[in-house]
PDB file of all heavy atoms in Angstrom:
ATOM      1  N   PHE A   1     -22.831 -18.401   9.703  1.00  0.00           N
ATOM      2  CA  PHE A   1     -21.608 -19.263   9.573  1.00  0.00           C
ATOM      3  C   PHE A   1     -21.281 -19.952  10.880  1.00  0.00           C
ATOM      4  O   PHE A   1     -21.599 -19.448  11.935  1.00  0.00           O
ATOM      5  CB  PHE A   1     -20.449 -18.439   9.099  1.00  0.00           C
ATOM      6  CG  PHE A   1     -20.605 -17.725   7.837  1.00  0.00           C
ATOM      7  CD1 PHE A   1     -20.796 -16.327   7.814  1.00  0.00           C
ATOM      8  CD2 PHE A   1     -20.624 -18.371   6.663  1.00  0.00           C
ATOM      9  CE1 PHE A   1     -21.023 -15.647   6.589  1.00  0.00           C
ATOM     10  CE2 PHE A   1     -20.810 -17.706   5.441  1.00  0.00           C
ATOM     11  CZ  PHE A   1     -21.020 -16.309   5.460  1.00  0.00           C
ATOM     12  N   ALA A   2     -20.762 -21.155  10.714  1.00  0.00           N
ATOM     13  CA  ALA A   2     -20.231 -21.919  11.858  1.00  0.00           C
ATOM     14  C   ALA A   2     -18.727 -22.009  11.770  1.00  0.00           C
ATOM     15  O   ALA A   2     -18.202 -22.912  11.032  1.00  0.00           O
ATOM     16  CB  ALA A   2     -20.822 -23.379  11.855  1.00  0.00           C
ATOM     17  N   PRO A   3     -17.960 -21.144  12.423  1.00  0.00           N
ATOM     18  CA  PRO A   3     -16.552 -21.208  12.372  1.00  0.00           C
ATOM     19  C   PRO A   3     -16.038 -22.636  12.796  1.00  0.00           C
ATOM     20  O   PRO A   3     -16.582 -23.187  13.763  1.00  0.00           O
ATOM     21  CB  PRO A   3     -16.069 -20.086  13.316  1.00  0.00           C
ATOM     22  CG  PRO A   3     -17.192 -19.146  13.306  1.00  0.00           C
ATOM     23  CD  PRO A   3     -18.418 -20.007  13.211  1.00  0.00           C
ATOM     24  N   VAL A   4     -15.015 -23.126  12.105  1.00  0.00           N
ATOM     25  CA  VAL A   4     -14.467 -24.440  12.391  1.00  0.00           C
ATOM     26  C   VAL A   4     -13.140 -24.377  13.079  1.00  0.00           C
ATOM     27  O   VAL A   4     -12.904 -24.988  14.140  1.00  0.00           O
ATOM     28  CB  VAL A   4     -14.395 -25.242  11.059  1.00  0.00           C
ATOM     29  CG1 VAL A   4     -13.839 -26.657  11.346  1.00  0.00           C
ATOM     30  CG2 VAL A   4     -15.729 -25.397  10.399  1.00  0.00           C
ATOM     31  N   SER A   5     -12.157 -23.617  12.482  1.00  0.00           N
ATOM     32  CA  SER A   5     -10.866 -23.492  13.035  1.00  0.00           C
ATOM     33  C   SER A   5     -10.088 -22.342  12.396  1.00  0.00           C
ATOM     34  O   SER A   5     -10.376 -21.995  11.266  1.00  0.00           O
ATOM     35  CB  SER A   5     -10.096 -24.790  12.840  1.00  0.00           C
ATOM     36  OG  SER A   5      -8.739 -24.679  13.274  1.00  0.00           O
ATOM     37  N   THR A   6      -9.199 -21.724  13.128  1.00  0.00           N
ATOM     38  CA  THR A   6      -8.249 -20.820  12.465  1.00  0.00           C
ATOM     39  C   THR A   6      -7.213 -21.676  11.723  1.00  0.00           C
ATOM     40  O   THR A   6      -7.032 -22.851  12.012  1.00  0.00           O
ATOM     41  CB  THR A   6      -7.532 -19.962  13.563  1.00  0.00           C
ATOM     42  OG1 THR A   6      -6.826 -20.816  14.457  1.00  0.00           O
ATOM     43  CG2 THR A   6      -8.535 -19.076  14.246  1.00  0.00           C
ATOM     44  N   LEU A   7      -6.572 -21.028  10.762  1.00  0.00           N
ATOM     45  CA  LEU A   7      -5.499 -21.685  10.016  1.00  0.00           C
ATOM     46  C   LEU A   7      -4.173 -21.034  10.288  1.00  0.00           C
ATOM     47  O   LEU A   7      -3.140 -21.771  10.420  1.00  0.00           O
ATOM     48  CB  LEU A   7      -5.755 -21.540   8.494  1.00  0.00           C
ATOM     49  CG  LEU A   7      -7.063 -22.249   7.955  1.00  0.00           C
ATOM     50  CD1 LEU A   7      -7.153 -22.032   6.454  1.00  0.00           C
ATOM     51  CD2 LEU A   7      -7.188 -23.689   8.336  1.00  0.00           C
ATOM     52  N   GLY A   8      -4.092 -19.726  10.322  1.00  0.00           N
ATOM     53  CA  GLY A   8      -2.882 -19.062  10.511  1.00  0.00           C
ATOM     54  C   GLY A   8      -2.983 -17.586  10.692  1.00  0.00           C
ATOM     55  O   GLY A   8      -4.007 -16.953  10.374  1.00  0.00           O
ATOM     56  N   PHE A   9      -1.944 -16.971  11.128  1.00  0.00           N
ATOM     57  CA  PHE A   9      -1.873 -15.514  11.409  1.00  0.00           C
ATOM     58  C   PHE A   9      -0.656 -15.015  10.700  1.00  0.00           C
ATOM     59  O   PHE A   9       0.341 -15.636  10.661  1.00  0.00           O
ATOM     60  CB  PHE A   9      -1.749 -15.186  12.904  1.00  0.00           C
ATOM     61  CG  PHE A   9      -3.091 -15.595  13.619  1.00  0.00           C
ATOM     62  CD1 PHE A   9      -3.378 -16.953  13.958  1.00  0.00           C
ATOM     63  CD2 PHE A   9      -3.949 -14.588  14.069  1.00  0.00           C
ATOM     64  CE1 PHE A   9      -4.505 -17.308  14.616  1.00  0.00           C
ATOM     65  CE2 PHE A   9      -5.156 -14.961  14.806  1.00  0.00           C
ATOM     66  CZ  PHE A   9      -5.392 -16.300  14.970  1.00  0.00           C
ATOM     67  N   PHE A  10      -0.813 -13.809  10.169  1.00  0.00           N
ATOM     68  CA  PHE A  10       0.435 -13.195   9.477  1.00  0.00           C
ATOM     69  C   PHE A  10       0.525 -11.665   9.831  1.00  0.00           C
ATOM     70  O   PHE A  10      -0.423 -11.019  10.095  1.00  0.00           O
ATOM     71  CB  PHE A  10       0.449 -13.411   8.007  1.00  0.00           C
ATOM     72  CG  PHE A  10      -0.850 -13.343   7.293  1.00  0.00           C
ATOM     73  CD1 PHE A  10      -1.140 -12.283   6.519  1.00  0.00           C
ATOM     74  CD2 PHE A  10      -1.796 -14.437   7.388  1.00  0.00           C
ATOM     75  CE1 PHE A  10      -2.345 -12.193   5.823  1.00  0.00           C
ATOM     76  CE2 PHE A  10      -2.948 -14.380   6.693  1.00  0.00           C
ATOM     77  CZ  PHE A  10      -3.287 -13.286   5.943  1.00  0.00           C
ATOM     78  N   ASP A  11       1.800 -11.225   9.808  1.00  0.00           N
ATOM     79  CA  ASP A  11       2.151  -9.969  10.316  1.00  0.00           C
ATOM     80  C   ASP A  11       1.767  -8.752   9.411  1.00  0.00           C
ATOM     81  O   ASP A  11       1.844  -8.891   8.157  1.00  0.00           O
ATOM     82  CB  ASP A  11       3.625  -9.906  10.619  1.00  0.00           C
ATOM     83  CG  ASP A  11       4.023 -10.836  11.730  1.00  0.00           C
ATOM     84  OD1 ASP A  11       3.585 -10.570  12.879  1.00  0.00           O
ATOM     85  OD2 ASP A  11       4.757 -11.827  11.511  1.00  0.00           O
ATOM     86  N   ILE A  12       1.474  -7.697  10.068  1.00  0.00           N
ATOM     87  CA  ILE A  12       1.425  -6.405   9.348  1.00  0.00           C
ATOM     88  C   ILE A  12       2.641  -5.622   9.837  1.00  0.00           C
ATOM     89  O   ILE A  12       3.029  -5.636  11.046  1.00  0.00           O
ATOM     90  CB  ILE A  12       0.095  -5.722   9.769  1.00  0.00           C
ATOM     91  CG1 ILE A  12      -1.088  -6.522   9.235  1.00  0.00           C
ATOM     92  CG2 ILE A  12       0.047  -4.273   9.184  1.00  0.00           C
ATOM     93  CD1 ILE A  12      -2.486  -5.961   9.702  1.00  0.00           C
ATOM     94  N   ALA A  13       3.194  -4.770   8.958  1.00  0.00           N
ATOM     95  CA  ALA A  13       4.420  -4.033   9.252  1.00  0.00           C
ATOM     96  C   ALA A  13       4.196  -2.555   9.021  1.00  0.00           C
ATOM     97  O   ALA A  13       3.392  -2.136   8.171  1.00  0.00           O
ATOM     98  CB  ALA A  13       5.558  -4.567   8.420  1.00  0.00           C
ATOM     99  N   ILE A  14       4.988  -1.775   9.753  1.00  0.00           N
ATOM    100  CA  ILE A  14       5.100  -0.292   9.491  1.00  0.00           C
ATOM    101  C   ILE A  14       6.445  -0.105   8.848  1.00  0.00           C
ATOM    102  O   ILE A  14       7.484  -0.443   9.373  1.00  0.00           O
ATOM    103  CB  ILE A  14       5.042   0.485  10.793  1.00  0.00           C
ATOM    104  CG1 ILE A  14       3.726   0.189  11.582  1.00  0.00           C
ATOM    105  CG2 ILE A  14       5.215   2.032  10.536  1.00  0.00           C
ATOM    106  CD1 ILE A  14       3.676   0.744  12.970  1.00  0.00           C
ATOM    107  N   LEU A  15       6.406   0.421   7.596  1.00  0.00           N
ATOM    108  CA  LEU A  15       7.527   0.430   6.712  1.00  0.00           C
ATOM    109  C   LEU A  15       7.957   1.871   6.337  1.00  0.00           C
ATOM    110  O   LEU A  15       7.124   2.794   6.298  1.00  0.00           O
ATOM    111  CB  LEU A  15       7.203  -0.246   5.436  1.00  0.00           C
ATOM    112  CG  LEU A  15       6.807  -1.691   5.531  1.00  0.00           C
ATOM    113  CD1 LEU A  15       5.806  -2.008   4.445  1.00  0.00           C
ATOM    114  CD2 LEU A  15       7.980  -2.626   5.358  1.00  0.00           C
ATOM    115  N   THR A  16       9.238   2.103   6.111  1.00  0.00           N
ATOM    116  CA  THR A  16       9.693   3.307   5.492  1.00  0.00           C
ATOM    117  C   THR A  16      10.651   2.958   4.344  1.00  0.00           C
ATOM    118  O   THR A  16      11.076   1.736   4.244  1.00  0.00           O
ATOM    119  CB  THR A  16      10.525   4.131   6.475  1.00  0.00           C
ATOM    120  OG1 THR A  16      11.614   3.419   7.002  1.00  0.00           O
ATOM    121  CG2 THR A  16       9.618   4.605   7.678  1.00  0.00           C
ATOM    122  N   PRO A  17      10.982   3.856   3.503  1.00  0.00           N
ATOM    123  CA  PRO A  17      12.155   3.612   2.506  1.00  0.00           C
ATOM    124  C   PRO A  17      13.371   3.303   3.321  1.00  0.00           C
ATOM    125  O   PRO A  17      13.570   3.790   4.406  1.00  0.00           O
ATOM    126  CB  PRO A  17      12.216   4.896   1.722  1.00  0.00           C
ATOM    127  CG  PRO A  17      10.916   5.629   1.955  1.00  0.00           C
ATOM    128  CD  PRO A  17      10.493   5.243   3.279  1.00  0.00           C
ATOM    129  N   ALA A  18      14.285   2.536   2.710  1.00  0.00           N
ATOM    130  CA  ALA A  18      15.559   2.193   3.378  1.00  0.00           C
ATOM    131  C   ALA A  18      16.408   3.406   3.656  1.00  0.00           C
ATOM    132  O   ALA A  18      17.139   3.432   4.702  1.00  0.00           O
ATOM    133  CB  ALA A  18      16.316   1.189   2.507  1.00  0.00           C
ATOM    134  N   ASP A  19      16.274   4.493   2.890  1.00  0.00           N
ATOM    135  CA  ASP A  19      17.054   5.674   3.106  1.00  0.00           C
ATOM    136  C   ASP A  19      16.301   6.732   3.909  1.00  0.00           C
ATOM    137  O   ASP A  19      16.725   7.909   3.958  1.00  0.00           O
ATOM    138  CB  ASP A  19      17.521   6.257   1.847  1.00  0.00           C
ATOM    139  CG  ASP A  19      16.432   6.574   0.830  1.00  0.00           C
ATOM    140  OD1 ASP A  19      15.248   6.362   1.244  1.00  0.00           O
ATOM    141  OD2 ASP A  19      16.633   7.121  -0.251  1.00  0.00           O
ATOM    142  N   SER A  20      15.204   6.376   4.523  1.00  0.00           N
ATOM    143  CA  SER A  20      14.407   7.319   5.323  1.00  0.00           C
ATOM    144  C   SER A  20      15.213   7.842   6.569  1.00  0.00           C
ATOM    145  O   SER A  20      16.071   7.065   7.073  1.00  0.00           O
ATOM    146  CB  SER A  20      13.180   6.681   5.802  1.00  0.00           C
ATOM    147  OG  SER A  20      12.515   7.506   6.714  1.00  0.00           O
ATOM    148  N   LYS A  21      14.888   9.067   6.920  1.00  0.00           N
ATOM    149  CA  LYS A  21      15.561   9.624   8.117  1.00  0.00           C
ATOM    150  C   LYS A  21      15.022   8.941   9.372  1.00  0.00           C
ATOM    151  O   LYS A  21      15.633   9.077  10.487  1.00  0.00           O
ATOM    152  CB  LYS A  21      15.320  11.112   8.187  1.00  0.00           C
ATOM    153  CG  LYS A  21      13.893  11.514   8.284  1.00  0.00           C
ATOM    154  CD  LYS A  21      13.814  13.001   8.331  1.00  0.00           C
ATOM    155  CE  LYS A  21      12.334  13.504   8.477  1.00  0.00           C
ATOM    156  NZ  LYS A  21      12.182  14.986   8.480  1.00  0.00           N
ATOM    157  N   PHE A  22      13.860   8.215   9.224  1.00  0.00           N
ATOM    158  CA  PHE A  22      13.257   7.543  10.420  1.00  0.00           C
ATOM    159  C   PHE A  22      13.833   6.154  10.533  1.00  0.00           C
ATOM    160  O   PHE A  22      13.589   5.318   9.722  1.00  0.00           O
ATOM    161  CB  PHE A  22      11.776   7.474  10.232  1.00  0.00           C
ATOM    162  CG  PHE A  22      11.118   8.843  10.033  1.00  0.00           C
ATOM    163  CD1 PHE A  22      10.398   9.141   8.893  1.00  0.00           C
ATOM    164  CD2 PHE A  22      11.200   9.877  11.074  1.00  0.00           C
ATOM    165  CE1 PHE A  22       9.819  10.361   8.693  1.00  0.00           C
ATOM    166  CE2 PHE A  22      10.648  11.089  10.845  1.00  0.00           C
ATOM    167  CZ  PHE A  22       9.864  11.320   9.654  1.00  0.00           C
ATOM    168  N   LYS A  23      14.689   6.051  11.547  1.00  0.00           N
ATOM    169  CA  LYS A  23      15.327   4.702  11.767  1.00  0.00           C
ATOM    170  C   LYS A  23      14.564   3.779  12.738  1.00  0.00           C
ATOM    171  O   LYS A  23      14.680   2.578  12.811  1.00  0.00           O
ATOM    172  CB  LYS A  23      16.755   4.863  12.279  1.00  0.00           C
ATOM    173  CG  LYS A  23      17.610   5.734  11.412  1.00  0.00           C
ATOM    174  CD  LYS A  23      17.872   5.043  10.060  1.00  0.00           C
ATOM    175  CE  LYS A  23      18.952   5.760   9.215  1.00  0.00           C
ATOM    176  NZ  LYS A  23      18.570   7.136   8.813  1.00  0.00           N
ATOM    177  N   THR A  24      13.648   4.426  13.544  1.00  0.00           N
ATOM    178  CA  THR A  24      12.828   3.698  14.490  1.00  0.00           C
ATOM    179  C   THR A  24      11.408   4.175  14.494  1.00  0.00           C
ATOM    180  O   THR A  24      11.167   5.318  14.043  1.00  0.00           O
ATOM    181  CB  THR A  24      13.424   3.785  15.964  1.00  0.00           C
ATOM    182  OG1 THR A  24      13.325   5.170  16.349  1.00  0.00           O
ATOM    183  CG2 THR A  24      14.887   3.360  15.993  1.00  0.00           C
ATOM    184  N   LEU A  25      10.517   3.426  15.071  1.00  0.00           N
ATOM    185  CA  LEU A  25       9.157   3.885  15.187  1.00  0.00           C
ATOM    186  C   LEU A  25       9.047   5.049  16.131  1.00  0.00           C
ATOM    187  O   LEU A  25       8.273   5.999  15.896  1.00  0.00           O
ATOM    188  CB  LEU A  25       8.277   2.725  15.669  1.00  0.00           C
ATOM    189  CG  LEU A  25       6.755   3.039  15.781  1.00  0.00           C
ATOM    190  CD1 LEU A  25       6.158   3.443  14.416  1.00  0.00           C
ATOM    191  CD2 LEU A  25       6.004   1.827  16.308  1.00  0.00           C
ATOM    192  N   ALA A  26       9.896   5.083  17.158  1.00  0.00           N
ATOM    193  CA  ALA A  26       9.860   6.195  18.055  1.00  0.00           C
ATOM    194  C   ALA A  26      10.215   7.562  17.358  1.00  0.00           C
ATOM    195  O   ALA A  26       9.653   8.559  17.629  1.00  0.00           O
ATOM    196  CB  ALA A  26      10.884   5.979  19.178  1.00  0.00           C
ATOM    197  N   GLU A  27      11.131   7.448  16.444  1.00  0.00           N
ATOM    198  CA  GLU A  27      11.522   8.693  15.658  1.00  0.00           C
ATOM    199  C   GLU A  27      10.367   9.129  14.793  1.00  0.00           C
ATOM    200  O   GLU A  27      10.101  10.331  14.677  1.00  0.00           O
ATOM    201  CB  GLU A  27      12.753   8.402  14.815  1.00  0.00           C
ATOM    202  CG  GLU A  27      14.077   8.249  15.603  1.00  0.00           C
ATOM    203  CD  GLU A  27      15.235   7.880  14.801  1.00  0.00           C
ATOM    204  OE1 GLU A  27      15.112   7.765  13.522  1.00  0.00           O
ATOM    205  OE2 GLU A  27      16.320   7.672  15.310  1.00  0.00           O
ATOM    206  N   LEU A  28       9.729   8.086  14.181  1.00  0.00           N
ATOM    207  CA  LEU A  28       8.562   8.513  13.258  1.00  0.00           C
ATOM    208  C   LEU A  28       7.478   9.147  14.138  1.00  0.00           C
ATOM    209  O   LEU A  28       6.876  10.151  13.736  1.00  0.00           O
ATOM    210  CB  LEU A  28       8.006   7.234  12.679  1.00  0.00           C
ATOM    211  CG  LEU A  28       6.879   7.359  11.635  1.00  0.00           C
ATOM    212  CD1 LEU A  28       7.393   7.859  10.314  1.00  0.00           C
ATOM    213  CD2 LEU A  28       6.192   6.012  11.436  1.00  0.00           C
ATOM    214  N   LEU A  29       7.161   8.583  15.300  1.00  0.00           N
ATOM    215  CA  LEU A  29       6.110   9.074  16.181  1.00  0.00           C
ATOM    216  C   LEU A  29       6.463  10.483  16.667  1.00  0.00           C
ATOM    217  O   LEU A  29       5.607  11.328  16.764  1.00  0.00           O
ATOM    218  CB  LEU A  29       5.954   8.202  17.364  1.00  0.00           C
ATOM    219  CG  LEU A  29       5.193   6.861  17.063  1.00  0.00           C
ATOM    220  CD1 LEU A  29       5.280   5.917  18.287  1.00  0.00           C
ATOM    221  CD2 LEU A  29       3.788   7.104  16.748  1.00  0.00           C
ATOM    222  N   ALA A  30       7.740  10.741  17.020  1.00  0.00           N
ATOM    223  CA  ALA A  30       8.182  11.990  17.481  1.00  0.00           C
ATOM    224  C   ALA A  30       7.947  13.066  16.452  1.00  0.00           C
ATOM    225  O   ALA A  30       7.481  14.177  16.730  1.00  0.00           O
ATOM    226  CB  ALA A  30       9.672  11.972  17.906  1.00  0.00           C
ATOM    227  N   PHE A  31       8.307  12.734  15.211  1.00  0.00           N
ATOM    228  CA  PHE A  31       8.062  13.740  14.089  1.00  0.00           C
ATOM    229  C   PHE A  31       6.559  13.988  13.907  1.00  0.00           C
ATOM    230  O   PHE A  31       6.148  15.135  13.727  1.00  0.00           O
ATOM    231  CB  PHE A  31       8.621  13.190  12.826  1.00  0.00           C
ATOM    232  CG  PHE A  31       8.418  14.093  11.616  1.00  0.00           C
ATOM    233  CD1 PHE A  31       9.237  15.112  11.317  1.00  0.00           C
ATOM    234  CD2 PHE A  31       7.337  13.858  10.775  1.00  0.00           C
ATOM    235  CE1 PHE A  31       9.076  15.946  10.221  1.00  0.00           C
ATOM    236  CE2 PHE A  31       7.116  14.669   9.689  1.00  0.00           C
ATOM    237  CZ  PHE A  31       7.916  15.717   9.433  1.00  0.00           C
ATOM    238  N   ALA A  32       5.724  12.913  13.928  1.00  0.00           N
ATOM    239  CA  ALA A  32       4.327  13.044  13.704  1.00  0.00           C
ATOM    240  C   ALA A  32       3.667  13.962  14.792  1.00  0.00           C
ATOM    241  O   ALA A  32       2.797  14.760  14.519  1.00  0.00           O
ATOM    242  CB  ALA A  32       3.630  11.699  13.691  1.00  0.00           C
ATOM    243  N   LYS A  33       4.159  13.761  16.055  1.00  0.00           N
ATOM    244  CA  LYS A  33       3.577  14.611  17.136  1.00  0.00           C
ATOM    245  C   LYS A  33       4.042  16.030  17.068  1.00  0.00           C
ATOM    246  O   LYS A  33       3.221  16.955  17.428  1.00  0.00           O
ATOM    247  CB  LYS A  33       3.941  13.957  18.457  1.00  0.00           C
ATOM    248  CG  LYS A  33       3.218  12.624  18.751  1.00  0.00           C
ATOM    249  CD  LYS A  33       3.723  11.979  20.038  1.00  0.00           C
ATOM    250  CE  LYS A  33       2.982  10.689  20.285  1.00  0.00           C
ATOM    251  NZ  LYS A  33       3.412   9.963  21.509  1.00  0.00           N
ATOM    252  N   ALA A  34       5.247  16.258  16.582  1.00  0.00           N
ATOM    253  CA  ALA A  34       5.765  17.600  16.468  1.00  0.00           C
ATOM    254  C   ALA A  34       5.325  18.359  15.278  1.00  0.00           C
ATOM    255  O   ALA A  34       5.393  19.631  15.172  1.00  0.00           O
ATOM    256  CB  ALA A  34       7.304  17.573  16.531  1.00  0.00           C
ATOM    257  N   ASN A  35       4.795  17.558  14.291  1.00  0.00           N
ATOM    258  CA  ASN A  35       4.420  18.163  12.989  1.00  0.00           C
ATOM    259  C   ASN A  35       3.035  17.619  12.547  1.00  0.00           C
ATOM    260  O   ASN A  35       2.915  16.857  11.617  1.00  0.00           O
ATOM    261  CB  ASN A  35       5.426  17.849  11.878  1.00  0.00           C
ATOM    262  CG  ASN A  35       6.785  18.359  12.198  1.00  0.00           C
ATOM    263  OD1 ASN A  35       7.189  19.534  11.973  1.00  0.00           O
ATOM    264  ND2 ASN A  35       7.589  17.514  12.896  1.00  0.00           N
ATOM    265  N   PRO A  36       1.999  18.101  13.177  1.00  0.00           N
ATOM    266  CA  PRO A  36       0.637  17.575  12.905  1.00  0.00           C
ATOM    267  C   PRO A  36       0.294  17.802  11.399  1.00  0.00           C
ATOM    268  O   PRO A  36       0.486  18.843  10.877  1.00  0.00           O
ATOM    269  CB  PRO A  36      -0.283  18.443  13.795  1.00  0.00           C
ATOM    270  CG  PRO A  36       0.604  18.981  14.919  1.00  0.00           C
ATOM    271  CD  PRO A  36       1.922  19.118  14.269  1.00  0.00           C
ATOM    272  N   GLY A  37      -0.280  16.742  10.830  1.00  0.00           N
ATOM    273  CA  GLY A  37      -0.709  16.783   9.498  1.00  0.00           C
ATOM    274  C   GLY A  37       0.337  16.686   8.419  1.00  0.00           C
ATOM    275  O   GLY A  37       0.055  16.720   7.174  1.00  0.00           O
ATOM    276  N   LYS A  38       1.661  16.495   8.792  1.00  0.00           N
ATOM    277  CA  LYS A  38       2.682  16.566   7.769  1.00  0.00           C
ATOM    278  C   LYS A  38       3.230  15.194   7.413  1.00  0.00           C
ATOM    279  O   LYS A  38       3.966  15.068   6.441  1.00  0.00           O
ATOM    280  CB  LYS A  38       3.850  17.481   8.264  1.00  0.00           C
ATOM    281  CG  LYS A  38       3.448  18.909   8.294  1.00  0.00           C
ATOM    282  CD  LYS A  38       4.695  19.831   8.616  1.00  0.00           C
ATOM    283  CE  LYS A  38       4.288  21.301   8.588  1.00  0.00           C
ATOM    284  NZ  LYS A  38       5.440  22.135   8.840  1.00  0.00           N
TER     285      LYS A  38
END
């Protein structure tokens, strides 16, 4: 293939339910590190 040009980029998100106890990514990471595999 001979690439010609990019067209656009779009975001990927880390999501939780709106009523989740995790309000920030830091809280999610803290739980994951304290509870391996859970």
